[in-house]
Protein backbone atom coordinates (compact mmCIF):
# COMPACT_ATOMS: atom_id res chain seq x y z
CA MET A 1 0.61 -0.20 0.41
CA VAL A 2 1.44 3.58 -1.16
CA ARG A 3 2.20 5.52 1.81
CA ARG A 4 -0.25 9.35 2.39
CA VAL A 5 0.72 12.41 2.56
CA ARG A 6 -2.07 14.93 3.85
CA GLY A 7 -1.30 18.22 2.16
CA ASN A 8 2.20 18.71 1.60
CA ASP A 9 3.69 17.30 5.23
CA TYR A 10 5.82 15.06 3.68
CA ARG A 11 7.56 14.09 7.47
CA VAL A 12 5.04 11.06 8.01
CA LEU A 13 7.22 9.54 5.10
CA ALA A 14 10.53 9.39 7.85
CA GLY A 15 12.85 11.44 6.32
CA PRO A 16 16.73 11.64 4.96
CA ASP A 17 17.21 9.08 8.09
CA GLN A 18 15.52 6.06 7.36
CA HIS A 19 17.28 2.64 6.98
CA PHE A 20 16.47 1.40 3.39
CA THR A 21 17.97 -0.97 0.53
CA PRO A 22 18.36 0.84 -2.79
CA THR A 23 16.22 -1.12 -5.09
CA LEU A 24 15.54 2.12 -7.63
CA THR A 25 17.32 3.22 -11.08
CA VAL A 26 18.33 6.83 -10.83
CA SER A 27 18.99 9.13 -14.51
CA VAL A 28 20.88 12.02 -13.86
CA VAL A 29 20.65 14.94 -16.88
CA VAL A 30 22.60 17.07 -17.54
CA PRO A 31 21.73 19.53 -19.93
CA ALA A 32 24.92 21.49 -21.06
CA TYR A 33 26.19 24.10 -23.80
CA GLY A 34 29.61 25.06 -23.58
CA GLY A 35 31.27 24.66 -20.58
CA GLN A 36 34.45 22.08 -20.40
CA GLN A 37 35.23 22.79 -17.40
CA GLN A 38 32.84 23.07 -15.55
CA LEU A 39 31.52 19.53 -16.56
CA ASP A 40 34.14 17.46 -16.10
CA LEU A 41 33.82 18.76 -12.04
CA VAL A 42 30.40 18.08 -11.93
CA LEU A 43 30.78 14.08 -14.19
CA ALA A 44 34.01 13.89 -10.97
CA ALA A 45 31.62 14.42 -8.61
CA LEU A 46 28.68 12.76 -9.63
CA ALA A 47 31.28 9.39 -9.72
CA ARG A 48 31.41 9.64 -6.05
CA GLN A 49 28.35 9.76 -5.69
CA THR A 50 27.70 7.06 -2.17
CA TYR A 51 24.39 5.20 -4.33
CA PRO A 52 25.17 2.37 -6.24
CA ALA A 53 26.84 3.19 -9.47
CA GLU A 54 25.33 0.28 -11.00
CA LEU A 55 21.55 1.49 -10.41
CA THR A 56 22.63 4.88 -11.35
CA GLU A 57 22.99 6.42 -15.36
CA VAL A 58 24.25 9.90 -16.78
CA VAL A 59 23.00 11.33 -19.62
CA VAL A 60 24.39 14.04 -20.79
CA VAL A 61 22.97 16.43 -23.29
CA ASP A 62 25.37 18.71 -25.56
CA ASN A 63 23.17 21.59 -26.87
CA GLY A 64 24.82 22.43 -29.62
CA SER A 65 28.30 23.44 -28.24
CA GLU A 66 31.13 24.01 -30.48
CA PRO A 67 33.15 22.52 -29.92
CA PRO A 68 31.89 19.92 -29.44
CA LEU A 69 31.45 18.34 -25.95
CA ARG A 70 33.51 15.40 -24.37
CA LEU A 71 33.09 12.83 -21.67
CA PRO A 72 36.70 13.74 -19.25
CA ALA A 73 38.41 9.99 -17.74
CA GLU A 74 36.32 10.61 -13.81
CA ARG A 75 32.73 9.85 -14.39
CA PRO A 76 30.04 7.08 -14.08
CA ASP A 77 30.52 3.60 -15.93
CA MET A 78 27.02 4.15 -17.00
CA THR A 79 27.48 8.06 -19.06
CA ARG A 80 26.31 8.71 -22.23
CA LEU A 81 26.96 11.94 -24.37
CA ILE A 82 23.93 12.57 -26.56
CA GLY A 83 23.18 15.30 -28.96
CA CYS A 84 20.33 18.13 -29.17
CA GLU A 85 20.18 21.05 -31.61
CA ARG A 86 17.50 22.72 -30.38
CA PRO A 87 18.67 25.45 -28.33
CA GLY A 88 17.24 26.05 -24.97
CA ARG A 89 17.94 24.48 -21.33
CA ALA A 90 14.38 22.55 -21.65
CA ALA A 91 14.86 20.96 -25.39
CA ALA A 92 17.51 19.31 -23.81
CA ARG A 93 16.61 18.77 -20.59
CA ASN A 94 13.32 16.79 -22.84
CA ALA A 95 16.14 14.86 -25.53
CA GLY A 96 18.03 13.92 -21.84
CA LEU A 97 14.51 12.79 -20.03
CA ALA A 98 13.86 10.76 -23.93
CA ALA A 99 17.39 8.84 -23.54
CA ALA A 100 16.77 8.47 -19.27
CA THR A 101 16.22 4.90 -18.22
CA GLY A 102 15.61 5.60 -14.78
CA GLU A 103 13.15 5.16 -12.38
CA VAL A 104 13.88 8.10 -10.95
CA ILE A 105 14.74 11.35 -12.82
CA HIS A 106 17.85 13.67 -11.38
CA TRP A 107 17.72 17.24 -12.91
CA LEU A 108 21.15 18.60 -12.47
CA ASP A 109 23.12 21.37 -14.06
CA SER A 110 25.97 21.50 -16.09
CA ASP A 111 27.52 23.86 -13.17
CA VAL A 112 25.91 21.92 -10.09
CA VAL A 113 28.67 19.84 -8.70
CA LEU A 114 27.25 17.55 -6.02
CA THR A 115 28.92 16.51 -2.55
CA PRO A 116 29.07 12.30 -2.28
CA GLY A 117 26.26 11.32 -0.35
CA ALA A 118 23.29 14.18 -2.21
CA ILE A 119 22.11 11.51 -5.14
CA GLU A 120 21.51 8.84 -1.78
CA ALA A 121 19.86 11.15 -0.22
CA HIS A 122 16.85 12.15 -2.41
CA MET A 123 16.61 8.45 -3.31
CA ARG A 124 15.38 7.55 0.49
CA TRP A 125 12.74 9.72 0.06
CA HIS A 126 11.89 8.23 -3.42
CA HIS A 127 12.06 4.08 -1.75
CA ALA A 128 9.59 6.14 0.80
CA ALA A 129 6.76 6.86 -1.56
CA PRO A 130 6.73 7.57 -5.28
CA TYR A 131 5.03 10.86 -5.96
CA VAL A 132 7.68 12.81 -4.19
CA VAL A 133 9.89 15.52 -5.50
CA VAL A 134 13.34 16.30 -3.79
CA THR A 135 15.07 19.49 -4.07
CA GLY A 136 18.50 19.69 -2.56
CA TYR A 137 20.27 22.62 -1.01
CA LEU A 138 22.60 24.90 -3.18
CA ARG A 139 25.49 27.20 -2.12
CA PHE A 140 26.88 29.59 -4.93
CA THR A 141 30.53 29.74 -4.93
CA GLU A 142 32.93 32.48 -6.35
CA ALA A 143 35.98 30.11 -5.56
CA GLU A 144 38.15 29.47 -9.09
CA LEU A 145 37.65 26.66 -11.26
CA PRO A 146 40.22 24.02 -9.91
CA ALA A 147 41.89 21.33 -12.49
CA GLU A 148 40.73 18.45 -10.69
CA LEU A 149 38.35 18.54 -8.14
CA PRO A 150 39.30 19.05 -4.56
CA ALA A 151 38.14 15.78 -2.24
CA ASP A 152 37.13 18.20 0.89
CA LEU A 153 34.34 20.36 -1.44
CA GLU A 154 33.50 22.36 1.21
CA GLY A 155 37.06 22.80 2.20
CA TYR A 156 37.77 24.29 -0.88
CA PHE A 157 34.34 26.27 -2.57
CA GLU A 158 33.34 27.71 0.86
CA PRO A 159 32.80 30.69 1.71
CA ALA A 160 29.69 29.77 -0.62
CA GLU A 161 26.09 32.16 -0.78
CA PRO A 162 23.03 30.18 0.22
CA HIS A 163 20.21 30.14 -2.35
CA ALA A 164 18.05 32.64 -0.56
CA TRP A 165 14.75 32.27 -2.39
CA ILE A 166 14.40 28.58 -1.85
CA VAL A 167 15.97 29.12 2.22
CA ASP A 168 13.46 31.85 2.15
CA LEU A 169 10.81 29.99 1.19
CA VAL A 170 11.15 27.14 3.56
CA ASP A 171 11.76 29.08 6.47
CA ARG A 172 8.49 30.31 5.62
CA THR A 173 6.09 27.67 5.26
CA ASP A 174 8.07 25.29 8.02
CA GLY A 175 9.42 23.78 5.27
CA LEU A 176 7.21 23.30 3.11
CA THR A 177 4.47 21.83 5.06
CA ALA A 178 1.90 24.13 6.54
CA ASN A 179 -0.42 23.74 3.87
CA PRO A 180 2.05 26.25 1.59
CA GLN A 181 -0.30 27.67 -1.75
CA ARG A 182 2.92 27.17 -4.18
CA PRO A 183 4.59 24.39 -3.21
CA PHE A 184 6.27 23.51 -6.29
CA SER A 185 8.16 26.56 -6.19
CA LEU A 186 10.42 24.57 -4.79
CA HIS A 187 10.80 22.37 -8.54
CA VAL A 188 13.90 23.79 -9.68
CA GLY A 189 16.62 22.25 -12.44
CA GLY A 190 19.84 22.88 -10.47
CA ALA A 191 19.00 19.67 -8.51
CA THR A 192 15.76 17.93 -8.31
CA SER A 193 14.56 14.52 -8.16
CA VAL A 194 11.36 13.06 -9.45
CA ASN A 195 10.40 9.83 -10.27
CA ALA A 196 9.58 8.89 -13.33
CA ARG A 197 6.08 7.91 -13.74
CA LEU A 198 5.47 11.34 -11.83
CA ILE A 199 7.05 13.27 -14.99
CA ARG A 200 4.59 11.15 -17.56
CA ALA A 201 1.26 12.09 -16.08
CA ALA A 202 2.56 15.76 -16.24
CA GLY A 203 4.78 15.63 -19.20
CA PRO A 204 7.44 16.98 -20.41
CA MET A 205 9.40 20.49 -19.97
CA ASP A 206 7.48 23.32 -22.50
CA ASP A 207 10.22 24.31 -24.92
CA ASP A 208 8.19 27.48 -26.26
CA LEU A 209 9.01 28.89 -22.78
CA VAL A 210 11.62 31.45 -22.84
CA LEU A 211 11.94 31.75 -19.04
CA GLY A 212 10.45 30.03 -15.95
CA GLN A 213 9.90 26.19 -17.50
CA ASP A 214 11.25 24.52 -14.15
CA THR A 215 8.56 26.47 -12.00
CA GLU A 216 5.96 25.60 -15.09
CA MET A 217 6.73 21.97 -15.01
CA GLY A 218 6.74 22.07 -11.52
CA TYR A 219 2.76 23.60 -11.06
CA ARG A 220 2.28 20.00 -13.55
CA LEU A 221 3.97 18.11 -11.43
CA TRP A 222 1.71 19.59 -8.15
CA GLN A 223 -1.16 18.89 -10.52
CA ALA A 224 -0.74 15.57 -10.84
CA GLY A 225 -0.03 15.00 -7.06
CA ALA A 226 3.70 15.48 -6.40
CA VAL A 227 4.45 16.44 -2.80
CA PHE A 228 7.48 18.37 -2.18
CA VAL A 229 10.75 18.17 -0.07
CA PRO A 230 13.59 20.18 0.15
CA GLU A 231 16.22 17.96 1.69
CA PRO A 232 19.59 19.82 3.24
CA VAL A 233 21.19 16.60 3.44
CA ALA A 234 21.47 16.70 -0.43
CA ARG A 235 23.79 19.69 -1.18
CA ALA A 236 25.79 20.96 -4.01
CA TYR A 237 27.94 23.98 -4.73
CA HIS A 238 26.65 26.34 -8.08
CA LEU A 239 29.92 27.09 -9.73
CA GLY A 240 29.96 30.93 -9.54
CA PRO A 241 25.99 32.96 -9.75
CA THR A 242 23.29 32.32 -11.63
CA MET A 243 21.88 33.99 -14.57
CA ARG A 244 18.75 35.32 -11.93
CA MET A 245 21.16 36.27 -9.32
CA ARG A 246 23.01 38.41 -11.93
CA ASP A 247 19.89 40.33 -13.34
CA LYS A 248 16.48 39.27 -11.12
CA PRO A 249 14.43 42.14 -11.97
CA SER A 250 14.57 41.83 -16.01
CA ILE A 251 14.97 37.15 -16.06
CA ASP A 252 11.39 38.10 -13.46
CA ARG A 253 9.82 40.72 -15.62
CA VAL A 254 10.57 37.55 -18.80
CA SER A 255 9.34 35.28 -16.98
CA HIS A 256 6.48 36.44 -15.68
CA ALA A 257 4.70 37.38 -19.15
CA PHE A 258 4.58 34.19 -19.54
CA VAL A 259 4.08 31.77 -17.15
CA ALA A 260 1.18 33.72 -15.88
CA ASP A 261 -0.70 32.48 -19.09
CA ARG A 262 0.03 28.56 -17.67
CA ILE A 263 0.26 28.65 -14.08
CA PRO A 264 -3.11 30.00 -12.69
CA ALA A 265 -1.40 30.02 -9.16
CA TYR A 266 -0.22 32.73 -9.65
CA ARG A 267 -2.99 35.25 -9.20
CA TRP A 268 -1.03 38.40 -8.26
CA LEU A 269 0.24 37.73 -12.44
CA ARG A 270 -3.80 37.99 -13.36
CA GLY A 271 -4.99 40.79 -12.50
CA HIS A 272 -6.37 42.53 -15.79
CA PRO A 273 -10.81 41.91 -14.80
CA GLY A 274 -11.63 40.55 -18.46
CA ARG A 275 -9.38 38.31 -19.96
CA GLN A 276 -8.61 34.91 -21.11
CA TRP A 277 -6.22 32.54 -19.93
CA LYS A 278 -4.59 29.68 -21.52
CA VAL A 279 -5.05 27.67 -18.50
CA PRO A 280 -7.96 28.73 -16.57
CA TYR A 281 -8.40 28.85 -12.43
CA VAL A 282 -11.81 27.15 -12.63
CA THR A 283 -13.68 25.29 -14.70
CA ALA A 284 -17.28 24.47 -14.52
CA VAL A 285 -18.90 21.44 -15.73
CA VAL A 286 -22.91 21.63 -16.48
CA ASP A 287 -24.29 19.27 -18.27
CA GLY A 288 -25.76 21.09 -21.52
CA THR A 289 -28.46 18.36 -22.11
CA ALA A 290 -30.54 19.90 -19.26
CA GLY A 291 -32.55 22.60 -21.43
CA TYR A 292 -31.64 25.46 -22.95
CA ASP A 293 -32.91 27.97 -20.25
CA SER A 294 -31.80 25.78 -17.40
CA VAL A 295 -28.13 25.47 -19.04
CA ARG A 296 -28.02 28.78 -19.44
CA ALA A 297 -29.38 30.05 -16.25
CA SER A 298 -26.12 28.54 -14.87
CA VAL A 299 -23.92 29.10 -17.75
CA ASP A 300 -24.35 33.03 -17.62
CA ALA A 301 -24.22 33.20 -13.99
CA LEU A 302 -20.82 31.18 -13.97
CA LEU A 303 -19.16 34.12 -16.27
CA ALA A 304 -21.27 36.57 -14.91
CA GLY A 305 -19.26 36.20 -11.18
CA THR A 306 -16.72 37.93 -9.22
CA VAL A 307 -14.22 35.48 -10.23
CA PRO A 308 -13.46 36.30 -14.09
CA ASP A 309 -10.95 33.59 -14.62
CA VAL A 310 -13.38 30.96 -14.82
CA SER A 311 -14.18 28.44 -18.19
CA VAL A 312 -16.73 26.61 -18.66
CA LEU A 313 -17.03 22.77 -20.39
CA LEU A 314 -21.03 21.71 -21.44
CA THR A 315 -21.23 18.07 -21.94
CA GLY A 316 -23.31 17.24 -24.68
CA PRO A 317 -23.84 14.81 -27.96
CA TRP A 318 -23.26 17.49 -29.81
CA ASP A 319 -21.47 15.66 -33.11
CA THR A 320 -24.93 14.08 -33.43
CA LEU A 321 -26.29 16.86 -34.16
CA ASP A 322 -28.46 17.70 -37.48
CA ARG A 323 -30.02 20.73 -37.60
CA ASP A 324 -33.64 20.38 -39.16
CA ARG A 325 -33.76 23.45 -41.52
CA ARG A 326 -36.85 23.07 -42.95
CA ALA A 327 -39.31 22.48 -39.24
CA PRO A 328 -36.49 24.50 -37.17
CA LEU A 329 -39.36 24.65 -33.99
CA LYS A 330 -40.00 21.24 -34.32
CA ASP A 331 -36.65 18.75 -34.17
CA PRO A 332 -36.64 16.61 -31.53
CA ALA A 333 -33.17 17.95 -30.64
CA LEU A 334 -34.01 21.57 -30.15
CA GLU A 335 -33.05 22.41 -26.75
CA LEU A 336 -29.33 21.06 -28.10
CA VAL A 337 -29.26 23.12 -30.88
CA LEU A 338 -30.11 26.03 -28.82
CA VAL A 339 -27.59 25.66 -26.68
CA HIS A 340 -25.11 24.86 -29.21
CA GLY A 341 -25.47 27.69 -31.09
CA HIS A 342 -25.80 30.01 -27.94
CA TYR A 343 -22.69 29.50 -26.50
CA GLU A 344 -21.16 27.74 -29.72
CA HIS A 345 -18.60 31.38 -30.47
CA GLU A 346 -18.32 32.56 -26.85
CA GLY A 347 -14.39 31.85 -25.94
CA ARG A 348 -15.28 30.59 -22.33
CA VAL A 349 -17.85 28.19 -22.88
CA ARG A 350 -16.42 24.66 -24.52
CA LEU A 351 -18.34 22.02 -26.34
CA ALA A 352 -17.49 18.93 -25.28
CA THR A 353 -18.89 15.25 -26.66
CA THR A 354 -20.62 13.37 -23.69
CA GLY A 355 -17.86 11.37 -21.71
CA ASP A 356 -14.94 13.33 -22.65
CA GLY A 357 -15.99 15.38 -19.55
CA GLY A 358 -16.80 13.23 -16.77
CA GLY A 359 -15.11 11.30 -14.10
CA HIS A 360 -13.02 13.67 -11.80
CA ALA A 361 -11.18 16.75 -11.55
CA GLY A 362 -7.69 15.82 -13.34
CA GLY A 363 -8.93 12.15 -14.71
CA ASP A 364 -9.11 11.47 -18.30
CA GLY A 365 -11.34 13.86 -20.02
CA ALA A 366 -11.99 17.49 -21.63
CA VAL A 367 -10.67 19.06 -18.13
CA ASP A 368 -7.56 19.73 -18.95
CA PRO A 369 -4.96 18.88 -16.17
CA ALA A 370 -3.59 21.82 -15.31
CA VAL A 371 -6.86 23.25 -14.32
CA PRO A 372 -6.40 23.55 -10.65
CA TYR A 373 -9.96 23.93 -9.87
CA VAL A 374 -13.31 21.84 -11.16
CA LEU A 375 -16.56 23.01 -10.21
CA ARG A 376 -19.65 20.13 -11.49
CA LEU A 377 -22.72 22.06 -11.56
CA PRO A 378 -26.25 20.27 -11.92
CA ALA A 379 -27.79 22.87 -14.98
CA GLY A 380 -31.04 25.14 -13.48
CA TRP A 381 -27.97 26.00 -10.16
CA ILE A 382 -27.87 29.51 -10.12
CA PRO A 383 -24.71 30.42 -8.43
CA GLY A 384 -24.63 34.36 -6.30
CA GLU A 385 -22.26 36.24 -7.73
CA ASP A 386 -19.64 35.85 -4.91
CA THR A 387 -20.67 32.23 -4.79
CA LEU A 388 -17.99 30.59 -6.95
CA ALA A 389 -15.01 33.30 -5.08
CA ARG A 390 -16.75 31.74 -1.69
CA LEU A 391 -16.17 28.45 -2.50
CA LEU A 392 -12.41 28.55 -3.85
CA ASP A 393 -11.26 30.70 -0.68
CA LEU A 394 -12.53 27.94 1.63
CA ALA A 395 -10.99 25.74 -0.35
CA ARG A 396 -7.33 27.13 -0.76
CA ASP A 397 -7.20 28.81 3.03
CA GLU A 398 -8.27 25.30 4.76
CA GLY A 399 -6.26 23.49 2.13
CA LEU A 400 -9.30 20.82 0.74
CA GLY A 401 -9.79 18.73 -2.31
CA LEU A 402 -13.45 18.85 -1.93
CA VAL A 403 -16.19 21.26 -0.97
CA ASN A 404 -19.57 19.13 -1.28
CA VAL A 405 -22.79 21.52 -1.61
CA LEU A 406 -26.00 20.56 -0.65
CA LEU A 407 -28.30 21.75 -3.27
CA ARG A 408 -31.72 19.69 -2.13
CA GLU A 409 -32.41 16.86 0.06
CA SER A 410 -35.46 15.12 -0.35
CA ALA A 411 -36.54 11.45 0.66
CA ASP A 412 -36.10 10.54 -2.69
CA ASP A 413 -33.08 12.52 -3.76
CA VAL A 414 -29.97 14.39 -3.19
CA VAL A 415 -28.64 17.02 -5.50
CA THR A 416 -25.21 18.33 -4.78
CA ALA A 417 -22.72 20.43 -6.62
CA ARG A 418 -19.16 19.69 -6.00
CA LEU A 419 -15.84 21.99 -6.11
CA GLU A 420 -13.02 19.36 -6.96
CA ARG A 421 -9.32 20.55 -6.34
CA ALA A 422 -7.49 18.47 -9.05
CA ALA A 423 -4.01 18.17 -7.39
CA ALA A 424 -5.65 16.62 -4.41
CA PHE A 425 -7.39 14.04 -6.58
CA ALA A 426 -4.52 13.12 -9.25
CA ARG A 427 -2.24 12.30 -5.48
CA ALA A 428 -6.17 9.96 -4.00
CA ARG A 429 -5.59 7.70 -7.78
CA LEU A 430 -1.62 7.11 -6.21
CA VAL A 431 -2.87 5.91 -3.04
CA ALA A 432 -6.09 4.73 -3.24
CA ALA A 433 -6.86 0.81 -2.46
CA PRO A 434 -8.26 -1.14 -4.94
CA GLY A 435 -12.04 -0.49 -4.78
CA GLU A 436 -11.43 2.47 -2.27
CA ASP A 437 -13.62 5.05 -3.44
CA LEU A 438 -11.71 8.14 -4.46
CA ASP A 439 -13.81 10.61 -2.15
CA ASP A 440 -12.37 8.51 0.54
CA ALA A 441 -8.94 8.65 -0.63
CA VAL A 442 -8.85 12.73 -1.19
CA ASP A 443 -9.94 13.06 2.45
CA THR A 444 -7.33 11.13 3.60
CA VAL A 445 -5.07 12.85 1.18
CA SER A 446 -6.51 16.64 1.50
CA GLY A 447 -9.91 16.83 3.19
CA VAL A 448 -13.46 17.03 2.12
CA VAL A 449 -15.94 19.52 4.00
CA TRP A 450 -20.23 19.95 3.06
CA VAL A 451 -21.42 22.70 3.21
CA ASP A 452 -25.17 24.21 2.46
CA GLY A 453 -25.68 25.88 -0.90
CA GLU A 454 -28.65 28.49 0.06
CA THR A 455 -25.80 29.84 2.84
CA TYR A 456 -22.97 29.93 -0.25
CA GLY A 457 -25.63 31.55 -2.26
CA PHE A 458 -27.41 28.93 -4.77
CA THR A 459 -30.78 29.07 -6.11
CA THR A 460 -32.89 27.77 -9.08
CA GLU A 461 -34.48 32.37 -8.99
CA ALA A 462 -33.19 32.92 -12.43
CA ARG A 463 -31.69 36.99 -12.33
CA THR A 464 -30.27 38.78 -14.51
CA PRO A 465 -26.93 38.93 -13.92
CA VAL A 466 -24.51 41.72 -12.76
CA GLY A 467 -21.41 40.60 -13.04
CA ARG A 468 -17.90 40.81 -12.57
CA ARG A 469 -18.25 44.16 -15.32
CA GLY A 470 -20.91 45.47 -12.99
CA ALA A 471 -18.71 45.01 -10.50
CA TYR A 472 -15.52 46.35 -12.73
CA ARG A 473 -17.73 49.16 -12.76
CA ALA A 474 -18.58 49.88 -9.53
CA GLY A 475 -15.01 49.45 -8.50
CA VAL A 476 -14.37 52.22 -11.19
CA GLU A 477 -17.00 54.52 -10.10
CA ALA A 478 -15.31 53.84 -6.43
CA ARG A 479 -12.06 55.06 -7.56
CA ALA A 480 -13.56 57.43 -9.23
CA GLU A 481 -15.33 58.74 -6.33
CA VAL A 482 -12.11 58.09 -3.63
CA GLU A 483 -10.46 59.98 -5.99
CA ARG A 484 -12.80 62.78 -6.33
CA LEU A 485 -13.63 62.46 -1.92
CA THR A 486 -9.08 62.51 -2.36
CA ALA A 487 -9.25 66.33 -4.09
CA GLU A 488 -11.81 67.64 -2.30
CA ALA A 489 -9.19 66.51 1.10
CA GLU A 490 -6.26 68.49 -0.71
CA ARG A 491 -8.30 71.24 -1.68
CA LEU A 492 -10.27 71.14 1.72
CA ARG A 493 -6.41 70.73 3.54
CA GLY A 494 -5.21 73.65 1.13
CA GLN A 495 -8.05 76.17 2.48
CA ILE A 496 -7.74 75.05 5.67
CA ALA A 497 -3.97 76.32 5.51
CA LYS A 498 -5.24 79.33 3.90
CA TRP A 499 -7.43 80.02 6.95
CA LYS A 500 -4.93 79.88 8.81
CA GLU A 501 -2.06 81.64 7.17
CA GLU A 502 -4.99 84.42 7.25
CA ALA A 503 -6.05 83.48 11.28
CA GLY A 504 -2.27 84.29 11.58
CA ARG A 505 -2.33 87.43 9.68
CA TRP A 506 -5.00 88.66 12.23
CA ARG A 507 -3.57 87.41 15.35
CA LYS A 508 0.01 89.27 13.85
CA SER A 509 -2.95 93.01 13.30
CA ALA A 510 -4.27 92.02 16.25
CA VAL A 511 -1.35 92.27 18.50
CA GLU A 512 0.09 95.21 16.20
CA LEU A 513 -3.48 96.99 17.35
CA ARG A 514 -3.18 95.96 20.93
CA ARG A 515 0.57 98.08 20.78
CA GLU A 516 -0.83 100.94 18.65
CA VAL A 517 -3.92 101.50 21.29
CA SER A 518 -1.43 100.57 24.02
CA THR A 519 0.86 104.10 22.51
CA LEU A 520 -2.28 105.82 21.69
CA ARG A 521 -3.39 105.15 25.62
CA ARG A 522 -0.14 106.72 26.57
CA ARG A 523 -0.10 109.08 25.03
CA VAL A 524 -3.77 110.70 25.96
CA ALA A 525 -2.65 109.87 29.49
CA ALA A 526 0.28 111.79 28.99
CA ALA A 527 -1.43 114.97 27.13
CA GLU A 528 -4.43 114.63 30.06
CA ARG A 529 -1.38 115.55 32.35
CA ALA A 530 0.41 117.69 30.98
CA ALA A 531 -3.29 119.87 30.25
CA GLN A 532 -3.80 119.39 34.03
CA ALA A 533 -0.15 120.28 34.65
CA GLN A 534 -0.85 123.35 32.61
CA ALA A 535 -4.30 124.12 33.85
CA GLN A 536 -2.69 124.59 37.10
CA GLN A 537 0.26 126.73 36.53
CA GLY A 538 -2.45 128.93 34.52
CA LEU A 539 -4.45 129.22 37.94
CA ARG A 540 -1.72 129.43 39.81
CA THR A 541 -0.54 132.57 37.83
CA MET A 542 -4.01 133.89 37.65
CA MET A 543 -4.20 133.87 41.48
CA SER A 544 -0.86 135.83 41.43
CA ALA A 545 -1.77 138.14 39.15
CA THR A 546 -5.26 139.15 41.14
CA LYS A 547 -3.64 139.42 44.62
CA ARG A 548 -1.00 141.67 43.44
CA ALA A 549 -3.72 143.75 41.57
CA LEU A 550 -5.50 143.41 45.31
CA ARG A 551 -2.35 144.54 47.11
CA LYS A 552 -2.24 147.43 45.05
CA ARG A 553 -5.35 148.97 45.04
CA LEU A 554 -5.14 148.55 49.09
CA ARG A 555 -2.27 150.76 49.09
CA GLY A 556 -3.71 153.26 46.81
């Protein structure tokens, strides 16, 4: 029985210290373009690995080097050199993958020197479970390239810088065990190993991508049910800095322009409110045979919701339609004809022949296995504008593999909708025992819950959809109102500043006026005192004159 991991908590698989008997074969795929001296060191390090040599093969892919690469004397016994004329690391890796025979594929860059126990540390995990992706810890050294590989790698290549963003990712997520949203970011081609069957399920690297092929393939491995394991014991030295370390902003700019279309989990790259993407975030599967009005009510509501990143798969016998041109209203297949005609040219709706879209998420069928979530909705049931968004939030925040929605329950039947996470169903298929219900297996690896449809806004009442365009317009209007109020606040702040300045002038004028009044008061008081003194002096003079006149008269 295959051991089960819930979410990405690989700790249940024991760990790198567990005892195991090596039985699995491993193919180390090394794409190379030039750099013969680095390649010599890489192959010498592979020749010194502790994992059994008879279980290890190395496939070196010369990606058009001039002069052509050669194999050095110190290398593993089972080493082959093949050519790949199509330029690009993804194409070279795919060529190596096609030539590899191992049960495990170990990607290795041609400038990465493994420490002796690195491959053994990887293979312990692969012996514990067939669906793990293991990434070693790289350290970036600036040491001068030696003529021969030294015995003491640490002594020669240190000091070296760690792979900072991987260390940060692992630290932030408790070693990728704490329900990480994007554990597939750990899939880097420099020193990562993957079970070959998992690669066959996910598909090879996308060589149409300019950059970001490692991450995009990691995402598809996640969709195929992979568990991602960071292994610090599997250490390696990168000879010099990577291109990303030298020019990260430019690398991210180019990479994001392409991976946004292919990795729905990168939500921040999908901010446009209306455009479509190669891989949608959600695909809703609706039975197109349930009648035109019922189908239209459900599909239009889905397309008008607040989750714009959605596609709809309508199932039905579309290949059997032969429209009655003479008496269309009497056509026994009229309902199908109406559904087909109504959505034939809608880019977000795809018409799949009955049987292609059945089954569960991630299984064989018309649903793209790269789509993270699949909603299976009975026709005639109408979700509210934010219904799908709320269900997605529940599934994502709780790390759930399945959200069952109870729409109607009676003595005769139970009607449900289902939101399925494709990665959880892919994992469940890998671990399910013969005869085990797949939903039960999903519950063990990811979790299953039941919710009430009415609580989440499902109804059978037809309504005019406002839709995300209405929400977008409301958002635009709200932003315009915010800008208007911000401008008004700025104007009022300017007016307040003006009033404060005017008040300051008034205070200054009042002070000056108080000073003038005080001066005038002093002057008035002085004038009054002078007048009083003058009056008193005049009175004394007059009295003196009067006295002299009286004395003259008395003497005469």
